[in-house]
Amino acid sequence: FERAMRRMAKLQFAMAIVLTIGVAAWQYFEWQLALN
């Protein structure tokens, strides 16, 4: 149980990073489109 929960926490943290990069990229490109 403990090992599986730690692995799940690592996956959730990795998804946090991926989603943050996605949101930041989306906002950046949305900002670039607003300038044009």
PDB file of all heavy atoms in Angstrom:
ATOM      1  N   PHE A   1       0.818  -1.212   0.000  1.00  0.00           N
ATOM      2  CA  PHE A   1       0.000   0.000   0.000  1.00  0.00           C
ATOM      3  C   PHE A   1       0.855   1.266   0.000  1.00  0.00           C
ATOM      4  O   PHE A   1       0.648   2.172  -0.808  1.00  0.00           O
ATOM      5  CB  PHE A   1      -0.938   0.000   1.211  1.00  0.00           C
ATOM      6  CG  PHE A   1      -1.737   1.247   1.364  1.00  0.00           C
ATOM      7  CD1 PHE A   1      -2.876   1.440   0.612  1.00  0.00           C
ATOM      8  CD2 PHE A   1      -1.349   2.239   2.248  1.00  0.00           C
ATOM      9  CE1 PHE A   1      -3.617   2.595   0.738  1.00  0.00           C
ATOM     10  CE2 PHE A   1      -2.086   3.394   2.387  1.00  0.00           C
ATOM     11  CZ  PHE A   1      -3.224   3.569   1.636  1.00  0.00           C
ATOM     12  N   GLU A   2       1.824   1.328   0.892  1.00  0.00           N
ATOM     13  CA  GLU A   2       2.632   2.539   1.020  1.00  0.00           C
ATOM     14  C   GLU A   2       3.436   2.819  -0.248  1.00  0.00           C
ATOM     15  O   GLU A   2       3.489   3.949  -0.724  1.00  0.00           O
ATOM     16  CB  GLU A   2       3.567   2.407   2.219  1.00  0.00           C
ATOM     17  CG  GLU A   2       4.341   3.665   2.524  1.00  0.00           C
ATOM     18  CD  GLU A   2       5.157   3.534   3.794  1.00  0.00           C
ATOM     19  OE1 GLU A   2       4.856   2.657   4.630  1.00  0.00           O
ATOM     20  OE2 GLU A   2       6.102   4.310   3.938  1.00  0.00           O
ATOM     21  N   ARG A   3       4.025   1.780  -0.796  1.00  0.00           N
ATOM     22  CA  ARG A   3       4.809   1.948  -2.025  1.00  0.00           C
ATOM     23  C   ARG A   3       3.918   2.401  -3.184  1.00  0.00           C
ATOM     24  O   ARG A   3       4.285   3.285  -3.968  1.00  0.00           O
ATOM     25  CB  ARG A   3       5.506   0.644  -2.372  1.00  0.00           C
ATOM     26  CG  ARG A   3       6.448   0.761  -3.540  1.00  0.00           C
ATOM     27  CD  ARG A   3       7.167  -0.530  -3.764  1.00  0.00           C
ATOM     28  NE  ARG A   3       6.184  -1.614  -3.881  1.00  0.00           N
ATOM     29  CZ  ARG A   3       6.360  -2.704  -4.603  1.00  0.00           C
ATOM     30  NH1 ARG A   3       7.492  -2.877  -5.225  1.00  0.00           N
ATOM     31  NH2 ARG A   3       5.442  -3.620  -4.663  1.00  0.00           N
ATOM     32  N   ALA A   4       2.729   1.811  -3.284  1.00  0.00           N
ATOM     33  CA  ALA A   4       1.803   2.189  -4.354  1.00  0.00           C
ATOM     34  C   ALA A   4       1.313   3.627  -4.194  1.00  0.00           C
ATOM     35  O   ALA A   4       1.188   4.360  -5.183  1.00  0.00           O
ATOM     36  CB  ALA A   4       0.616   1.235  -4.373  1.00  0.00           C
ATOM     37  N   MET A   5       1.051   4.034  -2.969  1.00  0.00           N
ATOM     38  CA  MET A   5       0.607   5.409  -2.731  1.00  0.00           C
ATOM     39  C   MET A   5       1.713   6.413  -3.052  1.00  0.00           C
ATOM     40  O   MET A   5       1.453   7.493  -3.585  1.00  0.00           O
ATOM     41  CB  MET A   5       0.146   5.578  -1.286  1.00  0.00           C
ATOM     42  CG  MET A   5      -1.178   4.927  -0.989  1.00  0.00           C
ATOM     43  SD  MET A   5      -2.569   5.807  -1.691  1.00  0.00           S
ATOM     44  CE  MET A   5      -2.717   7.150  -0.537  1.00  0.00           C
ATOM     45  N   ARG A   6       2.948   6.066  -2.722  1.00  0.00           N
ATOM     46  CA  ARG A   6       4.060   6.964  -3.056  1.00  0.00           C
ATOM     47  C   ARG A   6       4.229   7.079  -4.563  1.00  0.00           C
ATOM     48  O   ARG A   6       4.507   8.151  -5.091  1.00  0.00           O
ATOM     49  CB  ARG A   6       5.346   6.462  -2.421  1.00  0.00           C
ATOM     50  CG  ARG A   6       5.390   6.718  -0.947  1.00  0.00           C
ATOM     51  CD  ARG A   6       6.696   6.284  -0.354  1.00  0.00           C
ATOM     52  NE  ARG A   6       6.725   6.560   1.071  1.00  0.00           N
ATOM     53  CZ  ARG A   6       7.675   6.171   1.867  1.00  0.00           C
ATOM     54  NH1 ARG A   6       8.691   5.480   1.393  1.00  0.00           N
ATOM     55  NH2 ARG A   6       7.627   6.461   3.147  1.00  0.00           N
ATOM     56  N   ARG A   7       4.064   5.965  -5.258  1.00  0.00           N
ATOM     57  CA  ARG A   7       4.152   5.992  -6.718  1.00  0.00           C
ATOM     58  C   ARG A   7       3.025   6.852  -7.302  1.00  0.00           C
ATOM     59  O   ARG A   7       3.241   7.621  -8.235  1.00  0.00           O
ATOM     60  CB  ARG A   7       4.078   4.569  -7.270  1.00  0.00           C
ATOM     61  CG  ARG A   7       4.269   4.517  -8.764  1.00  0.00           C
ATOM     62  CD  ARG A   7       4.289   3.104  -9.263  1.00  0.00           C
ATOM     63  NE  ARG A   7       5.462   2.418  -8.724  1.00  0.00           N
ATOM     64  CZ  ARG A   7       5.556   1.111  -8.580  1.00  0.00           C
ATOM     65  NH1 ARG A   7       4.546   0.345  -8.924  1.00  0.00           N
ATOM     66  NH2 ARG A   7       6.647   0.573  -8.103  1.00  0.00           N
ATOM     67  N   MET A   8       1.837   6.736  -6.723  1.00  0.00           N
ATOM     68  CA  MET A   8       0.713   7.543  -7.183  1.00  0.00           C
ATOM     69  C   MET A   8       0.982   9.029  -6.933  1.00  0.00           C
ATOM     70  O   MET A   8       0.644   9.876  -7.759  1.00  0.00           O
ATOM     71  CB  MET A   8      -0.567   7.122  -6.458  1.00  0.00           C
ATOM     72  CG  MET A   8      -1.797   7.833  -6.941  1.00  0.00           C
ATOM     73  SD  MET A   8      -2.149   7.593  -8.674  1.00  0.00           S
ATOM     74  CE  MET A   8      -2.511   5.862  -8.708  1.00  0.00           C
ATOM     75  N   ALA A   9       1.604   9.355  -5.805  1.00  0.00           N
ATOM     76  CA  ALA A   9       1.934  10.751  -5.516  1.00  0.00           C
ATOM     77  C   ALA A   9       2.934  11.294  -6.539  1.00  0.00           C
ATOM     78  O   ALA A   9       2.829  12.441  -6.976  1.00  0.00           O
ATOM     79  CB  ALA A   9       2.487  10.886  -4.107  1.00  0.00           C
ATOM     80  N   LYS A  10       3.899  10.477  -6.927  1.00  0.00           N
ATOM     81  CA  LYS A  10       4.862  10.904  -7.941  1.00  0.00           C
ATOM     82  C   LYS A  10       4.181  11.145  -9.277  1.00  0.00           C
ATOM     83  O   LYS A  10       4.476  12.122  -9.970  1.00  0.00           O
ATOM     84  CB  LYS A  10       5.969   9.860  -8.103  1.00  0.00           C
ATOM     85  CG  LYS A  10       6.919   9.802  -6.937  1.00  0.00           C
ATOM     86  CD  LYS A  10       7.937   8.695  -7.124  1.00  0.00           C
ATOM     87  CE  LYS A  10       8.814   8.544  -5.894  1.00  0.00           C
ATOM     88  NZ  LYS A  10       9.751   7.423  -6.024  1.00  0.00           N
ATOM     89  N   LEU A  11       3.251  10.265  -9.642  1.00  0.00           N
ATOM     90  CA  LEU A  11       2.507  10.452 -10.890  1.00  0.00           C
ATOM     91  C   LEU A  11       1.655  11.720 -10.843  1.00  0.00           C
ATOM     92  O   LEU A  11       1.556  12.457 -11.826  1.00  0.00           O
ATOM     93  CB  LEU A  11       1.621   9.243 -11.162  1.00  0.00           C
ATOM     94  CG  LEU A  11       2.326   7.979 -11.612  1.00  0.00           C
ATOM     95  CD1 LEU A  11       1.348   6.811 -11.643  1.00  0.00           C
ATOM     96  CD2 LEU A  11       2.923   8.183 -12.988  1.00  0.00           C
ATOM     97  N   GLN A  12       1.035  11.981  -9.707  1.00  0.00           N
ATOM     98  CA  GLN A  12       0.220  13.185  -9.574  1.00  0.00           C
ATOM     99  C   GLN A  12       1.081  14.444  -9.650  1.00  0.00           C
ATOM    100  O   GLN A  12       0.676  15.440 -10.256  1.00  0.00           O
ATOM    101  CB  GLN A  12      -0.560  13.154  -8.263  1.00  0.00           C
ATOM    102  CG  GLN A  12      -1.679  12.141  -8.271  1.00  0.00           C
ATOM    103  CD  GLN A  12      -2.303  11.952  -6.905  1.00  0.00           C
ATOM    104  OE1 GLN A  12      -1.738  12.321  -5.885  1.00  0.00           O
ATOM    105  NE2 GLN A  12      -3.490  11.369  -6.888  1.00  0.00           N
ATOM    106  N   PHE A  13       2.243  14.403  -9.047  1.00  0.00           N
ATOM    107  CA  PHE A  13       3.138  15.558  -9.124  1.00  0.00           C
ATOM    108  C   PHE A  13       3.629  15.769 -10.555  1.00  0.00           C
ATOM    109  O   PHE A  13       3.718  16.909 -11.030  1.00  0.00           O
ATOM    110  CB  PHE A  13       4.313  15.389  -8.166  1.00  0.00           C
ATOM    111  CG  PHE A  13       5.155  16.613  -8.052  1.00  0.00           C
ATOM    112  CD1 PHE A  13       4.678  17.742  -7.423  1.00  0.00           C
ATOM    113  CD2 PHE A  13       6.426  16.641  -8.589  1.00  0.00           C
ATOM    114  CE1 PHE A  13       5.456  18.894  -7.332  1.00  0.00           C
ATOM    115  CE2 PHE A  13       7.211  17.766  -8.498  1.00  0.00           C
ATOM    116  CZ  PHE A  13       6.723  18.901  -7.871  1.00  0.00           C
ATOM    117  N   ALA A  14       3.936  14.682 -11.254  1.00  0.00           N
ATOM    118  CA  ALA A  14       4.348  14.794 -12.655  1.00  0.00           C
ATOM    119  C   ALA A  14       3.217  15.380 -13.506  1.00  0.00           C
ATOM    120  O   ALA A  14       3.463  16.227 -14.378  1.00  0.00           O
ATOM    121  CB  ALA A  14       4.775  13.433 -13.193  1.00  0.00           C
ATOM    122  N   MET A  15       2.000  14.960 -13.239  1.00  0.00           N
ATOM    123  CA  MET A  15       0.859  15.520 -13.966  1.00  0.00           C
ATOM    124  C   MET A  15       0.667  16.993 -13.632  1.00  0.00           C
ATOM    125  O   MET A  15       0.251  17.782 -14.494  1.00  0.00           O
ATOM    126  CB  MET A  15      -0.419  14.737 -13.659  1.00  0.00           C
ATOM    127  CG  MET A  15      -0.509  13.428 -14.390  1.00  0.00           C
ATOM    128  SD  MET A  15      -0.366  13.599 -16.185  1.00  0.00           S
ATOM    129  CE  MET A  15      -1.780  14.584 -16.572  1.00  0.00           C
ATOM    130  N   ALA A  16       0.965  17.382 -12.404  1.00  0.00           N
ATOM    131  CA  ALA A  16       0.886  18.798 -12.033  1.00  0.00           C
ATOM    132  C   ALA A  16       1.855  19.615 -12.874  1.00  0.00           C
ATOM    133  O   ALA A  16       1.512  20.699 -13.361  1.00  0.00           O
ATOM    134  CB  ALA A  16       1.179  18.972 -10.544  1.00  0.00           C
ATOM    135  N   ILE A  17       3.054  19.081 -13.063  1.00  0.00           N
ATOM    136  CA  ILE A  17       4.049  19.794 -13.873  1.00  0.00           C
ATOM    137  C   ILE A  17       3.606  19.865 -15.337  1.00  0.00           C
ATOM    138  O   ILE A  17       3.673  20.923 -15.971  1.00  0.00           O
ATOM    139  CB  ILE A  17       5.427  19.122 -13.736  1.00  0.00           C
ATOM    140  CG1 ILE A  17       5.949  19.309 -12.308  1.00  0.00           C
ATOM    141  CG2 ILE A  17       6.419  19.682 -14.752  1.00  0.00           C
ATOM    142  CD1 ILE A  17       7.189  18.512 -11.995  1.00  0.00           C
ATOM    143  N   VAL A  18       3.132  18.746 -15.867  1.00  0.00           N
ATOM    144  CA  VAL A  18       2.695  18.712 -17.268  1.00  0.00           C
ATOM    145  C   VAL A  18       1.522  19.660 -17.494  1.00  0.00           C
ATOM    146  O   VAL A  18       1.504  20.430 -18.469  1.00  0.00           O
ATOM    147  CB  VAL A  18       2.329  17.262 -17.677  1.00  0.00           C
ATOM    148  CG1 VAL A  18       1.606  17.230 -19.003  1.00  0.00           C
ATOM    149  CG2 VAL A  18       3.582  16.407 -17.723  1.00  0.00           C
ATOM    150  N   LEU A  19       0.542  19.626 -16.618  1.00  0.00           N
ATOM    151  CA  LEU A  19      -0.613  20.509 -16.774  1.00  0.00           C
ATOM    152  C   LEU A  19      -0.232  21.971 -16.602  1.00  0.00           C
ATOM    153  O   LEU A  19      -0.775  22.840 -17.289  1.00  0.00           O
ATOM    154  CB  LEU A  19      -1.708  20.121 -15.785  1.00  0.00           C
ATOM    155  CG  LEU A  19      -2.426  18.816 -16.091  1.00  0.00           C
ATOM    156  CD1 LEU A  19      -3.372  18.448 -14.969  1.00  0.00           C
ATOM    157  CD2 LEU A  19      -3.183  18.919 -17.400  1.00  0.00           C
ATOM    158  N   THR A  20       0.694  22.254 -15.717  1.00  0.00           N
ATOM    159  CA  THR A  20       1.146  23.632 -15.547  1.00  0.00           C
ATOM    160  C   THR A  20       1.848  24.137 -16.797  1.00  0.00           C
ATOM    161  O   THR A  20       1.609  25.269 -17.233  1.00  0.00           O
ATOM    162  CB  THR A  20       2.091  23.735 -14.341  1.00  0.00           C
ATOM    163  OG1 THR A  20       1.388  23.294 -13.179  1.00  0.00           O
ATOM    164  CG2 THR A  20       2.578  25.146 -14.141  1.00  0.00           C
ATOM    165  N   ILE A  21       2.678  23.301 -17.389  1.00  0.00           N
ATOM    166  CA  ILE A  21       3.345  23.689 -18.638  1.00  0.00           C
ATOM    167  C   ILE A  21       2.297  23.896 -19.734  1.00  0.00           C
ATOM    168  O   ILE A  21       2.384  24.854 -20.511  1.00  0.00           O
ATOM    169  CB  ILE A  21       4.390  22.632 -19.043  1.00  0.00           C
ATOM    170  CG1 ILE A  21       5.562  22.668 -18.067  1.00  0.00           C
ATOM    171  CG2 ILE A  21       4.872  22.847 -20.472  1.00  0.00           C
ATOM    172  CD1 ILE A  21       6.538  21.525 -18.225  1.00  0.00           C
ATOM    173  N   GLY A  22       1.303  23.028 -19.784  1.00  0.00           N
ATOM    174  CA  GLY A  22       0.238  23.175 -20.775  1.00  0.00           C
ATOM    175  C   GLY A  22      -0.558  24.451 -20.598  1.00  0.00           C
ATOM    176  O   GLY A  22      -0.843  25.161 -21.564  1.00  0.00           O
ATOM    177  N   VAL A  23      -0.916  24.756 -19.366  1.00  0.00           N
ATOM    178  CA  VAL A  23      -1.671  25.986 -19.095  1.00  0.00           C
ATOM    179  C   VAL A  23      -0.824  27.210 -19.409  1.00  0.00           C
ATOM    180  O   VAL A  23      -1.311  28.177 -20.003  1.00  0.00           O
ATOM    181  CB  VAL A  23      -2.175  26.006 -17.631  1.00  0.00           C
ATOM    182  CG1 VAL A  23      -2.693  27.378 -17.245  1.00  0.00           C
ATOM    183  CG2 VAL A  23      -3.245  24.964 -17.432  1.00  0.00           C
ATOM    184  N   ALA A  24       0.443  27.186 -19.031  1.00  0.00           N
ATOM    185  CA  ALA A  24       1.327  28.319 -19.318  1.00  0.00           C
ATOM    186  C   ALA A  24       1.501  28.519 -20.823  1.00  0.00           C
ATOM    187  O   ALA A  24       1.479  29.655 -21.320  1.00  0.00           O
ATOM    188  CB  ALA A  24       2.678  28.109 -18.647  1.00  0.00           C
ATOM    189  N   ALA A  25       1.664  27.424 -21.555  1.00  0.00           N
ATOM    190  CA  ALA A  25       1.803  27.524 -23.013  1.00  0.00           C
ATOM    191  C   ALA A  25       0.527  28.048 -23.647  1.00  0.00           C
ATOM    192  O   ALA A  25       0.566  28.890 -24.547  1.00  0.00           O
ATOM    193  CB  ALA A  25       2.171  26.158 -23.599  1.00  0.00           C
ATOM    194  N   TRP A  26      -0.600  27.564 -23.179  1.00  0.00           N
ATOM    195  CA  TRP A  26      -1.884  28.020 -23.710  1.00  0.00           C
ATOM    196  C   TRP A  26      -2.049  29.516 -23.471  1.00  0.00           C
ATOM    197  O   TRP A  26      -2.465  30.261 -24.361  1.00  0.00           O
ATOM    198  CB  TRP A  26      -3.008  27.218 -23.071  1.00  0.00           C
ATOM    199  CG  TRP A  26      -4.377  27.617 -23.517  1.00  0.00           C
ATOM    200  CD1 TRP A  26      -4.777  27.944 -24.774  1.00  0.00           C
ATOM    201  CD2 TRP A  26      -5.532  27.723 -22.704  1.00  0.00           C
ATOM    202  NE1 TRP A  26      -6.100  28.238 -24.791  1.00  0.00           N
ATOM    203  CE2 TRP A  26      -6.592  28.105 -23.523  1.00  0.00           C
ATOM    204  CE3 TRP A  26      -5.771  27.515 -21.348  1.00  0.00           C
ATOM    205  CZ2 TRP A  26      -7.877  28.303 -23.039  1.00  0.00           C
ATOM    206  CZ3 TRP A  26      -7.060  27.695 -20.876  1.00  0.00           C
ATOM    207  CH2 TRP A  26      -8.083  28.084 -21.713  1.00  0.00           C
ATOM    208  N   GLN A  27      -1.729  29.970 -22.264  1.00  0.00           N
ATOM    209  CA  GLN A  27      -1.837  31.401 -21.966  1.00  0.00           C
ATOM    210  C   GLN A  27      -0.862  32.217 -22.798  1.00  0.00           C
ATOM    211  O   GLN A  27      -1.199  33.308 -23.258  1.00  0.00           O
ATOM    212  CB  GLN A  27      -1.583  31.649 -20.489  1.00  0.00           C
ATOM    213  CG  GLN A  27      -2.711  31.177 -19.624  1.00  0.00           C
ATOM    214  CD  GLN A  27      -2.420  31.440 -18.167  1.00  0.00           C
ATOM    215  OE1 GLN A  27      -1.259  31.464 -17.764  1.00  0.00           O
ATOM    216  NE2 GLN A  27      -3.453  31.635 -17.394  1.00  0.00           N
ATOM    217  N   TYR A  28       0.323  31.700 -22.997  1.00  0.00           N
ATOM    218  CA  TYR A  28       1.312  32.425 -23.799  1.00  0.00           C
ATOM    219  C   TYR A  28       0.840  32.581 -25.236  1.00  0.00           C
ATOM    220  O   TYR A  28       0.887  33.670 -25.807  1.00  0.00           O
ATOM    221  CB  TYR A  28       2.660  31.704 -23.759  1.00  0.00           C
ATOM    222  CG  TYR A  28       3.697  32.329 -24.656  1.00  0.00           C
ATOM    223  CD1 TYR A  28       4.336  33.508 -24.277  1.00  0.00           C
ATOM    224  CD2 TYR A  28       4.026  31.753 -25.875  1.00  0.00           C
ATOM    225  CE1 TYR A  28       5.271  34.093 -25.098  1.00  0.00           C
ATOM    226  CE2 TYR A  28       4.962  32.329 -26.704  1.00  0.00           C
ATOM    227  CZ  TYR A  28       5.586  33.497 -26.316  1.00  0.00           C
ATOM    228  OH  TYR A  28       6.509  34.075 -27.136  1.00  0.00           O
ATOM    229  N   PHE A  29       0.362  31.495 -25.828  1.00  0.00           N
ATOM    230  CA  PHE A  29      -0.090  31.575 -27.215  1.00  0.00           C
ATOM    231  C   PHE A  29      -1.373  32.387 -27.342  1.00  0.00           C
ATOM    232  O   PHE A  29      -1.578  33.072 -28.337  1.00  0.00           O
ATOM    233  CB  PHE A  29      -0.254  30.180 -27.807  1.00  0.00           C
ATOM    234  CG  PHE A  29       1.054  29.490 -28.030  1.00  0.00           C
ATOM    235  CD1 PHE A  29       1.324  28.280 -27.431  1.00  0.00           C
ATOM    236  CD2 PHE A  29       2.039  30.061 -28.819  1.00  0.00           C
ATOM    237  CE1 PHE A  29       2.535  27.644 -27.612  1.00  0.00           C
ATOM    238  CE2 PHE A  29       3.258  29.437 -29.015  1.00  0.00           C
ATOM    239  CZ  PHE A  29       3.509  28.228 -28.409  1.00  0.00           C
ATOM    240  N   GLU A  30      -2.207  32.341 -26.339  1.00  0.00           N
ATOM    241  CA  GLU A  30      -3.406  33.172 -26.348  1.00  0.00           C
ATOM    242  C   GLU A  30      -3.012  34.651 -26.280  1.00  0.00           C
ATOM    243  O   GLU A  30      -3.608  35.499 -26.945  1.00  0.00           O
ATOM    244  CB  GLU A  30      -4.289  32.799 -25.160  1.00  0.00           C
ATOM    245  CG  GLU A  30      -5.642  33.442 -25.169  1.00  0.00           C
ATOM    246  CD  GLU A  30      -6.479  32.951 -23.992  1.00  0.00           C
ATOM    247  OE1 GLU A  30      -6.053  33.165 -22.844  1.00  0.00           O
ATOM    248  OE2 GLU A  30      -7.532  32.367 -24.232  1.00  0.00           O
ATOM    249  N   TRP A  31      -1.996  34.949 -25.490  1.00  0.00           N
ATOM    250  CA  TRP A  31      -1.502  36.316 -25.375  1.00  0.00           C
ATOM    251  C   TRP A  31      -0.881  36.775 -26.695  1.00  0.00           C
ATOM    252  O   TRP A  31      -1.069  37.919 -27.124  1.00  0.00           O
ATOM    253  CB  TRP A  31      -0.488  36.366 -24.237  1.00  0.00           C
ATOM    254  CG  TRP A  31       0.135  37.711 -24.029  1.00  0.00           C
ATOM    255  CD1 TRP A  31      -0.478  38.831 -23.550  1.00  0.00           C
ATOM    256  CD2 TRP A  31       1.481  38.068 -24.312  1.00  0.00           C
ATOM    257  NE1 TRP A  31       0.427  39.863 -23.498  1.00  0.00           N
ATOM    258  CE2 TRP A  31       1.632  39.429 -23.969  1.00  0.00           C
ATOM    259  CE3 TRP A  31       2.573  37.383 -24.826  1.00  0.00           C
ATOM    260  CZ2 TRP A  31       2.834  40.094 -24.118  1.00  0.00           C
ATOM    261  CZ3 TRP A  31       3.771  38.058 -24.956  1.00  0.00           C
ATOM    262  CH2 TRP A  31       3.885  39.394 -24.618  1.00  0.00           C
ATOM    263  N   GLN A  32      -0.146  35.868 -27.354  1.00  0.00           N
ATOM    264  CA  GLN A  32       0.464  36.207 -28.638  1.00  0.00           C
ATOM    265  C   GLN A  32      -0.607  36.469 -29.702  1.00  0.00           C
ATOM    266  O   GLN A  32      -0.450  37.374 -30.522  1.00  0.00           O
ATOM    267  CB  GLN A  32       1.385  35.075 -29.110  1.00  0.00           C
ATOM    268  CG  GLN A  32       2.667  34.953 -28.318  1.00  0.00           C
ATOM    269  CD  GLN A  32       3.576  36.139 -28.511  1.00  0.00           C
ATOM    270  OE1 GLN A  32       3.629  36.733 -29.578  1.00  0.00           O
ATOM    271  NE2 GLN A  32       4.291  36.524 -27.474  1.00  0.00           N
ATOM    272  N   LEU A  33      -1.674  35.707 -29.675  1.00  0.00           N
ATOM    273  CA  LEU A  33      -2.758  35.932 -30.639  1.00  0.00           C
ATOM    274  C   LEU A  33      -3.478  37.242 -30.368  1.00  0.00           C
ATOM    275  O   LEU A  33      -3.961  37.899 -31.284  1.00  0.00           O
ATOM    276  CB  LEU A  33      -3.750  34.779 -30.592  1.00  0.00           C
ATOM    277  CG  LEU A  33      -3.268  33.452 -31.196  1.00  0.00           C
ATOM    278  CD1 LEU A  33      -4.291  32.361 -30.954  1.00  0.00           C
ATOM    279  CD2 LEU A  33      -3.003  33.626 -32.679  1.00  0.00           C
ATOM    280  N   ALA A  34      -3.565  37.636 -29.111  1.00  0.00           N
ATOM    281  CA  ALA A  34      -4.230  38.893 -28.773  1.00  0.00           C
ATOM    282  C   ALA A  34      -3.426  40.087 -29.256  1.00  0.00           C
ATOM    283  O   ALA A  34      -3.985  41.143 -29.550  1.00  0.00           O
ATOM    284  CB  ALA A  34      -4.440  38.977 -27.269  1.00  0.00           C
ATOM    285  N   LEU A  35      -2.106  39.931 -29.347  1.00  0.00           N
ATOM    286  CA  LEU A  35      -1.274  41.044 -29.824  1.00  0.00           C
ATOM    287  C   LEU A  35      -1.407  41.246 -31.324  1.00  0.00           C
ATOM    288  O   LEU A  35      -1.205  42.356 -31.824  1.00  0.00           O
ATOM    289  CB  LEU A  35       0.192  40.789 -29.472  1.00  0.00           C
ATOM    290  CG  LEU A  35       0.560  40.873 -27.986  1.00  0.00           C
ATOM    291  CD1 LEU A  35       2.028  40.552 -27.802  1.00  0.00           C
ATOM    292  CD2 LEU A  35       0.253  42.261 -27.440  1.00  0.00           C
ATOM    293  N   ASN A  36      -1.725  40.214 -32.055  1.00  0.00           N
ATOM    294  CA  ASN A  36      -1.824  40.317 -33.529  1.00  0.00           C
ATOM    295  C   ASN A  36      -3.155  40.802 -33.962  1.00  0.00           C
ATOM    296  O   ASN A  36      -4.123  40.896 -33.570  1.00  0.00           O
ATOM    297  CB  ASN A  36      -1.524  38.970 -34.174  1.00  0.00           C
ATOM    298  CG  ASN A  36      -0.066  38.605 -33.992  1.00  0.00           C
ATOM    299  OD1 ASN A  36       0.761  39.480 -33.831  1.00  0.00           O
ATOM    300  ND2 ASN A  36       0.221  37.336 -33.996  1.00  0.00           N
TER     301      ASN A  36
END
